Amino acid sequence: MDADRKRNNRPGRLLGALIFAVGVVMLVVVFVLAAGAFAEVPAALGGAKGSSGGGLGGALAATGARAAFLLVMAYVSSLLASKGLDLYQAARGESGE
């Protein structure tokens, strides 16, 4: 009976694998956004010196807010990938411990 239950739990395994894949894709997106965001920092700081706009403080505040946003996105996506793995292991009948 237990072997049949493990074999017939294919939707649970597929759902776990799908959730894990979504989490990994989100992590990749976060890293790409981070690379793009922090490549703009030197240009923003260089442009802040000669402009009368936000200045250095504004550029640093924007960079800090962007870094906090990326940190939260990375945490959420890694949590999602972890839950996908947990669901996959539970569907296979394995313990996560």
Protein backbone atom coordinates (compact mmCIF):
# COMPACT_ATOMS: atom_id res chain seq x y z
CA MET A 1 0.00 0.00 0.00
CA ASP A 2 2.78 2.42 0.93
CA ALA A 3 4.68 1.67 -2.29
CA ASP A 4 1.54 2.35 -4.34
CA ARG A 5 1.03 5.64 -2.54
CA LYS A 6 4.58 6.74 -3.32
CA ARG A 7 4.26 5.73 -6.96
CA ASN A 8 0.87 7.41 -7.39
CA ASN A 9 1.98 10.72 -5.89
CA ARG A 10 3.32 11.98 -9.18
CA PRO A 11 1.38 15.31 -9.04
CA GLY A 12 3.00 16.11 -5.69
CA ARG A 13 6.46 15.42 -7.08
CA LEU A 14 5.77 17.51 -10.18
CA LEU A 15 4.39 20.37 -8.11
CA GLY A 16 7.43 20.28 -5.82
CA ALA A 17 9.80 20.29 -8.79
CA LEU A 18 7.86 23.15 -10.40
CA ILE A 19 7.94 25.26 -7.23
CA PHE A 20 11.67 24.60 -6.86
CA ALA A 21 12.25 25.63 -10.49
CA VAL A 22 10.26 28.85 -9.99
CA GLY A 23 12.39 29.64 -6.92
CA VAL A 24 15.61 29.04 -8.85
CA VAL A 25 14.43 31.22 -11.75
CA MET A 26 13.56 33.97 -9.27
CA LEU A 27 17.06 33.72 -7.79
CA VAL A 28 18.60 34.06 -11.24
CA VAL A 29 16.42 37.11 -11.92
CA VAL A 30 17.55 38.66 -8.63
CA PHE A 31 21.21 38.14 -9.49
CA VAL A 32 20.74 39.64 -12.96
CA LEU A 33 18.92 42.64 -11.48
CA ALA A 34 21.65 43.04 -8.87
CA ALA A 35 24.37 42.97 -11.51
CA GLY A 36 22.55 45.61 -13.55
CA ALA A 37 21.71 47.76 -10.54
CA PHE A 38 25.20 47.86 -9.15
CA ALA A 39 26.77 48.46 -12.55
CA GLU A 40 24.82 51.74 -12.59
CA VAL A 41 26.18 52.91 -9.22
CA PRO A 42 29.51 54.33 -10.45
CA ALA A 43 27.74 56.21 -13.23
CA ALA A 44 25.18 57.61 -10.78
CA LEU A 45 27.90 58.68 -8.36
CA GLY A 46 29.97 60.22 -11.15
CA GLY A 47 26.95 62.09 -12.48
CA ALA A 48 25.95 63.23 -9.00
CA LYS A 49 29.09 65.33 -8.57
CA GLY A 50 28.41 67.67 -11.46
CA SER A 51 24.63 67.84 -11.22
CA SER A 52 22.55 70.02 -8.96
CA GLY A 53 19.85 67.33 -8.59
CA GLY A 54 19.78 64.79 -5.78
CA GLY A 55 23.50 64.82 -5.27
CA LEU A 56 25.59 62.14 -3.67
CA GLY A 57 23.11 61.53 -0.83
CA GLY A 58 20.28 60.85 -3.24
CA ALA A 59 22.36 58.44 -5.28
CA LEU A 60 23.48 56.58 -2.17
CA ALA A 61 19.92 56.44 -0.80
CA ALA A 62 18.63 55.04 -4.08
CA THR A 63 21.41 52.44 -4.09
CA GLY A 64 20.62 51.47 -0.49
CA ALA A 65 16.92 51.09 -1.25
CA ARG A 66 17.74 48.99 -4.31
CA ALA A 67 20.06 46.79 -2.24
CA ALA A 68 17.37 46.26 0.43
CA PHE A 69 14.81 45.36 -2.24
CA LEU A 70 17.20 42.85 -3.84
CA LEU A 71 17.97 41.33 -0.43
CA VAL A 72 14.28 40.75 0.24
CA MET A 73 13.77 39.29 -3.25
CA ALA A 74 16.72 36.92 -2.78
CA TYR A 75 15.42 35.77 0.61
CA VAL A 76 11.90 35.12 -0.69
CA SER A 77 13.10 33.24 -3.77
CA SER A 78 15.48 31.05 -1.77
CA LEU A 79 12.66 30.30 0.68
CA LEU A 80 10.42 29.34 -2.24
CA ALA A 81 13.07 27.03 -3.70
CA SER A 82 13.52 25.42 -0.27
CA LYS A 83 9.78 24.82 0.11
CA GLY A 84 9.68 23.28 -3.37
CA LEU A 85 12.39 20.82 -2.36
CA ASP A 86 10.54 20.02 0.86
CA LEU A 87 7.34 19.35 -1.07
CA TYR A 88 9.19 17.14 -3.55
CA GLN A 89 10.79 15.13 -0.75
CA ALA A 90 7.48 14.75 1.06
CA ALA A 91 5.81 13.52 -2.13
CA ARG A 92 8.55 10.90 -2.51
CA GLY A 93 8.08 9.80 1.09
CA GLU A 94 11.51 10.95 2.25
CA SER A 95 12.11 12.89 5.41
CA GLY A 96 13.88 16.24 5.16
CA GLU A 97 15.86 15.66 8.35
